[in-house]
Amino acid sequence: MGGDSVKTRGYGEILESARERVREALDRARDAWADLDARGLGQEFSQGFQELGRSISRSAGAAARGIRNLDASRVWEGLRHVRFQDVKAYVRDKPFYSLALAVGVFYLGSLPFQAVAPFPPESLPPPFQRELTEEPTISVFFHDTGSIREMRIEEYLEGVVAGEMNAGWPREALAAQAIVARTFTWRKIQDGGVEERGTDASTNEQEFQAYNAGAVTDAVQDAVEMTRGKIITYQGEPVLAWFHASSGGRTATAHEGLEFDSEPTPYIQSVDDIDITKDLEWQRTFTLSEIEEAARSLGADTGPVRSVRVGRRGPSGRALTLVINGESVSAPRFRLVVSSEAMRSTLITGIELEGNTVTMKGRGFGHGVGLSQWGAWAMAQRGKSPEEIVSFYFKNTRIERFWE
């Protein structure tokens, strides 16, 4: 019946009616918030309503596409995925969130789907501003001494930025690194931190990310301070904020660079990077025994090495597999086994077997996923802001401030 209603009424009329009904619903909800605020309960309501707004925004775009195509099945598909499970924890823990959601659902739920569906997320009124919290204090394992310290997260991030990026680089590049490092840290903490150490973070680069408090400069401190509390989000949640030294001209998807498939990462896409590869090409020669040993450690019993070539490649051109004597092995894992310093990337441009050695050539440095640090440097040189740099590598995301 919904499809017939759309066909018999002009789309413009439906759209205008929809806008009016949604405005009315949101006005009433905001009036309710103001009343609660006067009673000292506004913060509870604000956070609850914000979660509802995000949930509706996630589904509105799909529903809108169904309306525009007069496709009732797509409308339903979009609307039925309103993710109220996103707020269940809040509702359980704080009863006034339930009140906030009840008010929003009562008014928005009373609208026919034609009133909500034509609104893509960007056209919906923005949700209430994220409530800022106090700057977190986190526990950090210092691998050089074996000690654990409690410290403010922004102080910790100064050491991370100094450890991950040259402190003499442009401020905008350092600030972009600060946003990405902060997001990486906060997401990892949400996912359990460093469980084997019983801490939120670690200064061991293999466990967490690099850290060098001794390299902190005024420029690094300024970069962290100017982005204070800023975190990259996708649909309201912190992203997996990977970064690497150089993409070699094109960034990688999470699957091809890291073999990561644990959850969807639509914000990580293979993009053409600023081309500064001339100085970032690499070449490394391995002995045949090194190649054989690495393959064996990955479960491939190749015997004496007679041939090595790239097998499958990913969207960016990176090797997904290497074929050694006809046996296929994972290229990203092979790189880690032979040393990521030696085999600097899986963006391989040539392999030559001669005598008792194999010489590999390639571009870039690192797994290629997320922010390219050399790309950030080049973009900063061209006048791009930290936010523009981050948004270039993390598509369809927002940068939100989480704490004061």
Protein backbone atom coordinates (compact mmCIF):
# COMPACT_ATOMS: atom_id res chain seq x y z
CA MET A 1 0.00 0.00 0.00
CA GLY A 2 2.87 2.37 0.74
CA GLY A 3 4.11 2.07 -2.84
CA ASP A 4 0.66 2.88 -4.24
CA SER A 5 0.43 5.94 -2.00
CA VAL A 6 3.73 7.25 -3.36
CA LYS A 7 2.63 6.72 -6.94
CA THR A 8 -0.68 8.56 -6.55
CA ARG A 9 0.73 11.60 -4.77
CA GLY A 10 3.34 13.95 -6.17
CA TYR A 11 6.81 13.38 -4.78
CA GLY A 12 7.19 17.08 -4.05
CA GLU A 13 4.01 17.06 -1.99
CA ILE A 14 5.19 14.04 -0.01
CA LEU A 15 8.60 15.59 0.57
CA GLU A 16 7.15 18.86 1.83
CA SER A 17 4.70 17.04 4.08
CA ALA A 18 7.53 14.87 5.36
CA ARG A 19 9.69 17.85 6.19
CA GLU A 20 6.88 19.53 8.08
CA ARG A 21 6.03 16.42 10.07
CA VAL A 22 9.64 15.73 11.00
CA ARG A 23 10.21 19.36 11.99
CA GLU A 24 7.13 19.17 14.21
CA ALA A 25 8.29 15.93 15.79
CA LEU A 26 11.77 17.25 16.49
CA ASP A 27 10.41 20.52 17.87
CA ARG A 28 8.27 18.60 20.34
CA ALA A 29 11.15 16.36 21.29
CA ARG A 30 13.38 19.41 21.87
CA ASP A 31 10.66 20.98 23.99
CA ALA A 32 10.65 17.84 26.08
CA TRP A 33 14.42 18.05 26.37
CA ALA A 34 14.21 21.67 27.52
CA ASP A 35 11.71 20.65 30.19
CA LEU A 36 14.01 17.90 31.40
CA ASP A 37 16.97 20.25 31.29
CA ALA A 38 15.12 22.64 33.58
CA ARG A 39 14.81 19.77 36.04
CA GLY A 40 18.51 18.98 35.77
CA LEU A 41 18.02 15.93 33.58
CA GLY A 42 18.90 17.44 30.19
CA GLN A 43 22.22 15.67 29.76
CA GLU A 44 20.56 12.25 30.13
CA PHE A 45 17.95 13.13 27.52
CA SER A 46 20.45 14.72 25.15
CA GLN A 47 22.67 11.64 24.98
CA GLY A 48 19.73 9.30 24.54
CA PHE A 49 18.19 11.38 21.77
CA GLN A 50 21.57 11.66 20.06
CA GLU A 51 21.84 7.87 19.89
CA LEU A 52 18.33 7.67 18.42
CA GLY A 53 19.23 10.29 15.81
CA ARG A 54 22.29 8.33 14.74
CA SER A 55 20.25 5.14 14.45
CA ILE A 56 17.62 6.80 12.26
CA SER A 57 20.28 8.47 10.10
CA ARG A 58 21.89 5.11 9.38
CA SER A 59 18.69 3.74 7.82
CA ALA A 60 17.22 6.89 6.27
CA GLY A 61 19.48 6.92 3.24
CA ALA A 62 18.58 3.38 2.16
CA ALA A 63 14.90 4.09 2.68
CA ALA A 64 15.18 7.30 0.68
CA ARG A 65 16.64 5.46 -2.28
CA GLY A 66 13.70 3.07 -2.19
CA ILE A 67 11.20 5.94 -2.16
CA ARG A 68 12.86 7.70 -5.08
CA ASN A 69 12.74 4.49 -7.11
CA LEU A 70 9.18 3.71 -6.01
CA ASP A 71 10.50 0.41 -4.69
CA ALA A 72 8.60 -0.55 -1.54
CA SER A 73 10.85 -3.51 -0.77
CA ARG A 74 13.93 -1.26 -0.61
CA VAL A 75 12.03 1.20 1.59
CA TRP A 76 11.26 -1.56 4.05
CA GLU A 77 14.82 -2.88 3.87
CA GLY A 78 16.14 0.53 4.87
CA LEU A 79 13.64 1.17 7.65
CA ARG A 80 13.84 -2.22 9.27
CA HIS A 81 17.56 -1.78 9.97
CA VAL A 82 17.13 1.07 12.46
CA ARG A 83 19.74 -0.01 14.96
CA PHE A 84 18.07 0.41 18.32
CA GLN A 85 20.48 -2.20 19.67
CA ASP A 86 23.07 0.57 19.55
CA VAL A 87 21.42 2.23 22.55
CA LYS A 88 20.42 -0.82 24.59
CA ALA A 89 23.35 -0.47 26.96
CA TYR A 90 22.42 3.14 27.69
CA VAL A 91 18.77 2.26 28.20
CA ARG A 92 19.70 -0.54 30.57
CA ASP A 93 22.07 1.51 32.67
CA LYS A 94 20.28 4.85 32.80
CA PRO A 95 16.48 4.96 32.92
CA PHE A 96 16.21 8.55 31.71
CA TYR A 97 17.68 7.45 28.38
CA SER A 98 14.59 5.27 28.10
CA LEU A 99 12.44 8.34 28.56
CA ALA A 100 14.38 10.18 25.87
CA LEU A 101 13.98 7.32 23.44
CA ALA A 102 10.29 6.94 24.25
CA VAL A 103 9.65 10.57 23.39
CA GLY A 104 11.56 10.32 20.12
CA VAL A 105 10.00 7.02 19.09
CA PHE A 106 6.50 8.24 19.95
CA TYR A 107 6.72 11.26 17.67
CA LEU A 108 8.91 9.86 14.88
CA GLY A 109 7.23 6.47 14.98
CA SER A 110 3.84 8.09 14.49
CA LEU A 111 4.90 9.30 11.03
CA PRO A 112 4.17 7.23 7.92
CA PHE A 113 7.33 5.91 6.29
CA GLN A 114 6.87 8.48 3.51
CA ALA A 115 7.55 11.19 6.10
CA VAL A 116 10.94 9.84 7.16
CA ALA A 117 12.30 7.89 4.21
CA PRO A 118 12.91 10.77 1.74
CA PHE A 119 15.54 12.23 4.04
CA PRO A 120 19.10 11.05 3.36
CA PRO A 121 21.31 11.32 6.48
CA GLU A 122 22.88 14.61 5.44
CA SER A 123 19.45 16.28 5.13
CA LEU A 124 18.18 15.24 8.56
CA PRO A 125 18.51 17.82 11.35
CA PRO A 126 21.81 17.14 13.15
CA PRO A 127 21.62 15.27 16.47
CA PHE A 128 22.48 17.02 19.69
CA GLN A 129 26.17 17.80 20.10
CA ARG A 130 28.19 14.92 21.56
CA GLU A 131 28.51 15.41 25.30
CA LEU A 132 32.15 16.10 26.13
CA THR A 133 33.67 14.14 28.98
CA GLU A 134 36.69 14.75 31.16
CA GLU A 135 40.02 13.81 29.59
CA PRO A 136 40.63 10.11 30.32
CA THR A 137 43.49 8.81 32.42
CA ILE A 138 44.91 5.58 31.00
CA SER A 139 47.32 2.90 32.16
CA VAL A 140 50.46 2.46 30.04
CA PHE A 141 52.97 -0.38 30.10
CA PHE A 142 56.54 0.89 29.57
CA HIS A 143 58.37 -1.99 27.93
CA ASP A 144 61.86 -0.60 28.54
CA THR A 145 61.44 -0.67 32.34
CA GLY A 146 58.56 -3.13 32.77
CA SER A 147 56.67 -0.53 34.81
CA ILE A 148 53.07 0.61 34.53
CA ARG A 149 52.09 4.29 34.76
CA GLU A 150 48.80 6.09 34.96
CA MET A 151 48.84 9.15 32.72
CA ARG A 152 46.53 11.53 30.90
CA ILE A 153 45.78 10.31 27.40
CA GLU A 154 46.86 13.58 25.75
CA GLU A 155 50.26 13.41 27.49
CA TYR A 156 50.65 9.83 26.27
CA LEU A 157 49.77 10.92 22.72
CA GLU A 158 52.58 13.48 22.68
CA GLY A 159 55.05 10.61 23.04
CA VAL A 160 53.22 8.59 20.37
CA VAL A 161 53.28 11.38 17.78
CA ALA A 162 56.98 12.00 18.51
CA GLY A 163 57.66 8.28 18.16
CA GLU A 164 55.67 7.80 14.96
CA MET A 165 56.50 10.95 12.96
CA ASN A 166 59.45 13.28 12.45
CA ALA A 167 58.93 16.19 14.87
CA GLY A 168 60.35 18.59 12.25
CA TRP A 169 57.52 17.91 9.81
CA PRO A 170 54.76 20.49 9.14
CA ARG A 171 52.36 21.13 12.00
CA GLU A 172 49.34 20.01 9.95
CA ALA A 173 50.94 16.60 9.28
CA LEU A 174 51.77 16.20 12.98
CA ALA A 175 48.21 17.19 13.89
CA ALA A 176 46.77 14.66 11.41
CA GLN A 177 48.98 12.00 13.00
CA ALA A 178 47.70 13.07 16.44
CA ILE A 179 44.06 12.59 15.36
CA VAL A 180 44.80 9.17 13.89
CA ALA A 181 46.92 8.07 16.88
CA ARG A 182 44.23 9.24 19.32
CA THR A 183 41.58 7.32 17.41
CA PHE A 184 43.80 4.23 17.20
CA THR A 185 44.40 4.41 20.96
CA TRP A 186 40.80 4.98 21.95
CA ARG A 187 39.47 2.22 19.70
CA LYS A 188 42.09 -0.25 20.98
CA ILE A 189 41.15 0.63 24.56
CA GLN A 190 37.49 0.04 23.77
CA ASP A 191 38.44 -3.34 22.31
CA GLY A 192 40.23 -4.37 25.51
CA GLY A 193 43.59 -2.60 25.46
CA VAL A 194 46.74 -4.69 25.93
CA GLU A 195 45.28 -7.73 27.65
CA GLU A 196 48.59 -9.55 28.18
CA ARG A 197 49.87 -6.54 30.14
CA GLY A 198 46.61 -5.73 31.88
CA THR A 199 46.87 -2.11 30.68
CA ASP A 200 45.15 0.25 28.28
CA ALA A 201 48.25 0.91 26.17
CA SER A 202 51.89 -0.02 25.74
CA THR A 203 55.06 1.69 24.53
CA ASN A 204 56.06 -1.49 22.68
CA GLU A 205 55.51 -0.78 18.98
CA GLN A 206 54.78 -4.45 18.29
CA GLU A 207 52.03 -4.50 20.90
CA PHE A 208 50.52 -1.06 20.36
CA GLN A 209 52.29 1.87 18.68
CA ALA A 210 55.63 3.66 18.89
CA TYR A 211 56.37 5.98 21.83
CA ASN A 212 59.26 8.39 22.42
CA ALA A 213 58.76 10.96 25.16
CA GLY A 214 62.34 12.13 24.71
CA ALA A 215 61.58 13.35 21.17
CA VAL A 216 58.60 15.52 22.16
CA THR A 217 59.02 19.11 20.98
CA ASP A 218 56.92 22.26 21.20
CA ALA A 219 55.65 21.50 17.69
CA VAL A 220 54.48 18.05 18.74
CA GLN A 221 52.78 19.43 21.84
CA ASP A 222 51.04 22.08 19.73
CA ALA A 223 49.84 19.43 17.26
CA VAL A 224 48.34 17.32 20.03
CA GLU A 225 46.78 20.34 21.77
CA MET A 226 45.20 21.78 18.61
CA THR A 227 43.41 18.46 18.01
CA ARG A 228 42.65 17.76 21.66
CA GLY A 229 39.96 15.12 22.10
CA LYS A 230 39.38 14.71 18.35
CA ILE A 231 38.56 11.21 17.14
CA ILE A 232 37.61 9.84 13.71
CA THR A 233 34.14 8.27 13.71
CA TYR A 234 32.04 6.35 11.23
CA GLN A 235 28.31 6.26 12.00
CA GLY A 236 29.10 7.59 15.46
CA GLU A 237 31.73 5.00 16.42
CA PRO A 238 35.55 5.29 16.48
CA VAL A 239 37.14 3.77 13.39
CA LEU A 240 40.04 1.38 13.11
CA ALA A 241 42.66 4.06 12.50
CA TRP A 242 45.58 2.36 10.80
CA PHE A 243 48.56 4.28 9.45
CA HIS A 244 51.81 3.53 7.68
CA ALA A 245 54.93 5.29 6.39
CA SER A 246 54.31 5.45 2.63
CA SER A 247 51.62 4.06 0.33
CA GLY A 248 53.91 3.96 -2.71
CA GLY A 249 51.36 5.94 -4.68
CA ARG A 250 48.15 4.08 -3.78
CA THR A 251 46.74 3.01 -0.42
CA ALA A 252 45.51 -0.50 0.32
CA THR A 253 42.25 -1.98 1.50
CA ALA A 254 42.26 -3.56 4.95
CA HIS A 255 42.09 -7.04 3.41
CA GLU A 256 44.98 -6.70 0.98
CA GLY A 257 47.27 -4.81 3.35
CA LEU A 258 46.52 -6.57 6.62
CA GLU A 259 44.32 -9.54 5.72
CA PHE A 260 41.78 -7.94 8.04
CA ASP A 261 38.23 -9.26 7.62
CA SER A 262 36.97 -9.29 11.21
CA GLU A 263 34.48 -6.48 10.58
CA PRO A 264 33.46 -4.24 7.66
CA THR A 265 35.68 -1.18 7.15
CA PRO A 266 33.86 0.81 4.42
CA TYR A 267 35.81 3.94 5.35
CA ILE A 268 39.08 2.26 4.31
CA GLN A 269 39.33 2.42 0.54
CA SER A 270 42.16 2.16 -1.96
CA VAL A 271 42.87 5.73 -3.07
CA ASP A 272 45.43 7.31 -5.37
CA ASP A 273 47.91 9.01 -3.07
CA ILE A 274 50.12 12.01 -3.74
CA ASP A 275 52.96 10.53 -5.76
CA ILE A 276 56.24 10.96 -3.92
CA THR A 277 57.48 7.46 -4.64
CA LYS A 278 60.74 8.41 -6.37
CA ASP A 279 62.56 8.54 -3.05
CA LEU A 280 60.58 5.69 -1.50
CA GLU A 281 61.35 2.80 -3.83
CA TRP A 282 63.11 -0.19 -2.31
CA GLN A 283 65.12 -3.21 -3.34
CA ARG A 284 66.20 -6.16 -1.23
CA THR A 285 68.11 -9.37 -2.01
CA PHE A 286 67.32 -12.58 -0.10
CA THR A 287 69.10 -15.91 -0.20
CA LEU A 288 67.18 -18.90 -1.51
CA SER A 289 67.41 -20.50 1.93
CA GLU A 290 65.76 -17.41 3.48
CA ILE A 291 62.89 -17.69 1.00
CA GLU A 292 62.49 -21.43 1.62
CA GLU A 293 62.59 -21.01 5.39
CA ALA A 294 59.99 -18.22 5.32
CA ALA A 295 57.68 -20.30 3.12
CA ARG A 296 58.07 -23.30 5.43
CA SER A 297 57.13 -21.18 8.46
CA LEU A 298 53.89 -20.34 6.64
CA GLY A 299 53.08 -23.99 6.03
CA ALA A 300 54.44 -24.36 2.48
CA ASP A 301 57.01 -27.13 2.11
CA THR A 302 58.54 -25.92 -1.15
CA GLY A 303 61.88 -27.66 -1.03
CA PRO A 304 64.83 -25.93 -2.75
CA VAL A 305 63.57 -22.71 -4.35
CA ARG A 306 63.47 -22.75 -8.15
CA SER A 307 60.88 -20.03 -8.87
CA VAL A 308 59.25 -17.07 -7.12
CA ARG A 309 56.51 -14.84 -8.54
CA VAL A 310 53.57 -12.72 -7.49
CA GLY A 311 50.31 -14.66 -7.49
CA ARG A 312 47.10 -12.67 -6.93
CA ARG A 313 47.07 -8.88 -6.54
CA GLY A 314 44.60 -6.63 -4.73
CA PRO A 315 42.85 -3.40 -5.82
CA SER A 316 45.93 -1.27 -5.19
CA GLY A 317 48.23 -3.66 -7.07
CA ARG A 318 49.71 -5.11 -3.89
CA ALA A 319 50.57 -8.79 -3.83
CA LEU A 320 48.02 -10.88 -2.00
CA THR A 321 50.00 -14.05 -2.56
CA LEU A 322 53.48 -15.15 -3.58
CA VAL A 323 53.92 -18.38 -5.51
CA ILE A 324 57.09 -20.27 -4.62
CA ASN A 325 57.73 -23.47 -6.60
CA GLY A 326 54.01 -23.50 -7.35
CA GLU A 327 53.05 -23.21 -3.67
CA SER A 328 50.97 -20.13 -2.74
CA VAL A 329 51.68 -18.22 0.48
CA SER A 330 50.22 -15.04 1.95
CA ALA A 331 52.28 -12.02 0.84
CA PRO A 332 51.48 -9.85 3.91
CA ARG A 333 52.49 -12.68 6.25
CA PHE A 334 55.57 -13.52 4.19
CA ARG A 335 56.66 -9.88 4.55
CA LEU A 336 56.42 -10.08 8.35
CA VAL A 337 58.36 -13.36 8.46
CA VAL A 338 61.32 -12.11 6.39
CA SER A 339 61.22 -8.70 8.20
CA SER A 340 59.06 -5.72 7.35
CA GLU A 341 62.20 -3.60 7.31
CA ALA A 342 63.74 -5.79 4.60
CA MET A 343 60.62 -6.33 2.49
CA ARG A 344 59.24 -2.85 2.93
CA SER A 345 55.84 -3.44 1.31
CA THR A 346 53.80 -5.87 -0.73
CA LEU A 347 53.56 -3.34 -3.59
CA ILE A 348 56.08 -5.42 -5.53
CA THR A 349 57.27 -4.15 -8.90
CA GLY A 350 59.72 -6.93 -9.75
CA ILE A 351 61.21 -10.27 -8.64
CA GLU A 352 64.44 -11.68 -10.07
CA LEU A 353 65.94 -15.07 -9.25
CA GLU A 354 69.63 -15.27 -10.07
CA GLY A 355 72.06 -17.85 -8.75
CA ASN A 356 71.44 -18.41 -5.06
CA THR A 357 69.52 -15.17 -4.49
CA VAL A 358 66.11 -13.58 -5.07
CA THR A 359 65.94 -9.80 -5.52
CA MET A 360 62.63 -8.05 -4.87
CA LYS A 361 61.80 -4.49 -5.88
CA GLY A 362 58.86 -2.41 -4.76
CA ARG A 363 57.37 0.92 -3.71
CA GLY A 364 56.24 2.31 -0.40
CA PHE A 365 56.89 1.37 3.19
CA GLY A 366 54.39 -0.39 5.43
CA HIS A 367 51.09 -2.21 5.01
CA GLY A 368 49.56 0.66 3.05
CA VAL A 369 46.28 0.83 5.01
CA GLY A 370 44.82 4.11 6.27
CA LEU A 371 46.87 7.29 6.62
CA SER A 372 50.12 7.53 4.69
CA GLN A 373 52.57 9.58 6.76
CA TRP A 374 54.55 10.71 3.73
CA GLY A 375 51.27 11.51 2.03
CA ALA A 376 50.28 13.61 5.05
CA TRP A 377 53.61 15.42 4.79
CA ALA A 378 53.03 16.19 1.10
CA MET A 379 49.44 17.36 1.69
CA ALA A 380 50.56 19.59 4.57
CA GLN A 381 53.18 21.13 2.26
CA ARG A 382 50.33 21.98 -0.09
CA GLY A 383 48.35 23.78 2.60
CA LYS A 384 45.85 21.08 3.57
CA SER A 385 44.40 21.14 7.09
CA PRO A 386 44.75 18.18 9.49
CA GLU A 387 41.05 17.41 9.02
CA GLU A 388 41.38 17.46 5.23
CA ILE A 389 44.35 15.11 5.42
CA VAL A 390 42.52 12.66 7.66
CA SER A 391 39.32 12.74 5.59
CA PHE A 392 41.30 11.97 2.43
CA TYR A 393 42.40 8.62 3.86
CA PHE A 394 39.28 7.78 5.91
CA LYS A 395 36.28 8.15 3.63
CA ASN A 396 32.77 9.23 4.74
CA THR A 397 33.89 9.79 8.32
CA ARG A 398 33.51 12.61 10.83
CA ILE A 399 36.05 14.06 13.25
CA GLU A 400 34.37 14.53 16.62
CA ARG A 401 35.65 15.92 19.89
CA PHE A 402 35.18 13.38 22.69
CA TRP A 403 36.61 15.24 25.68
CA GLU A 404 37.58 18.69 26.88
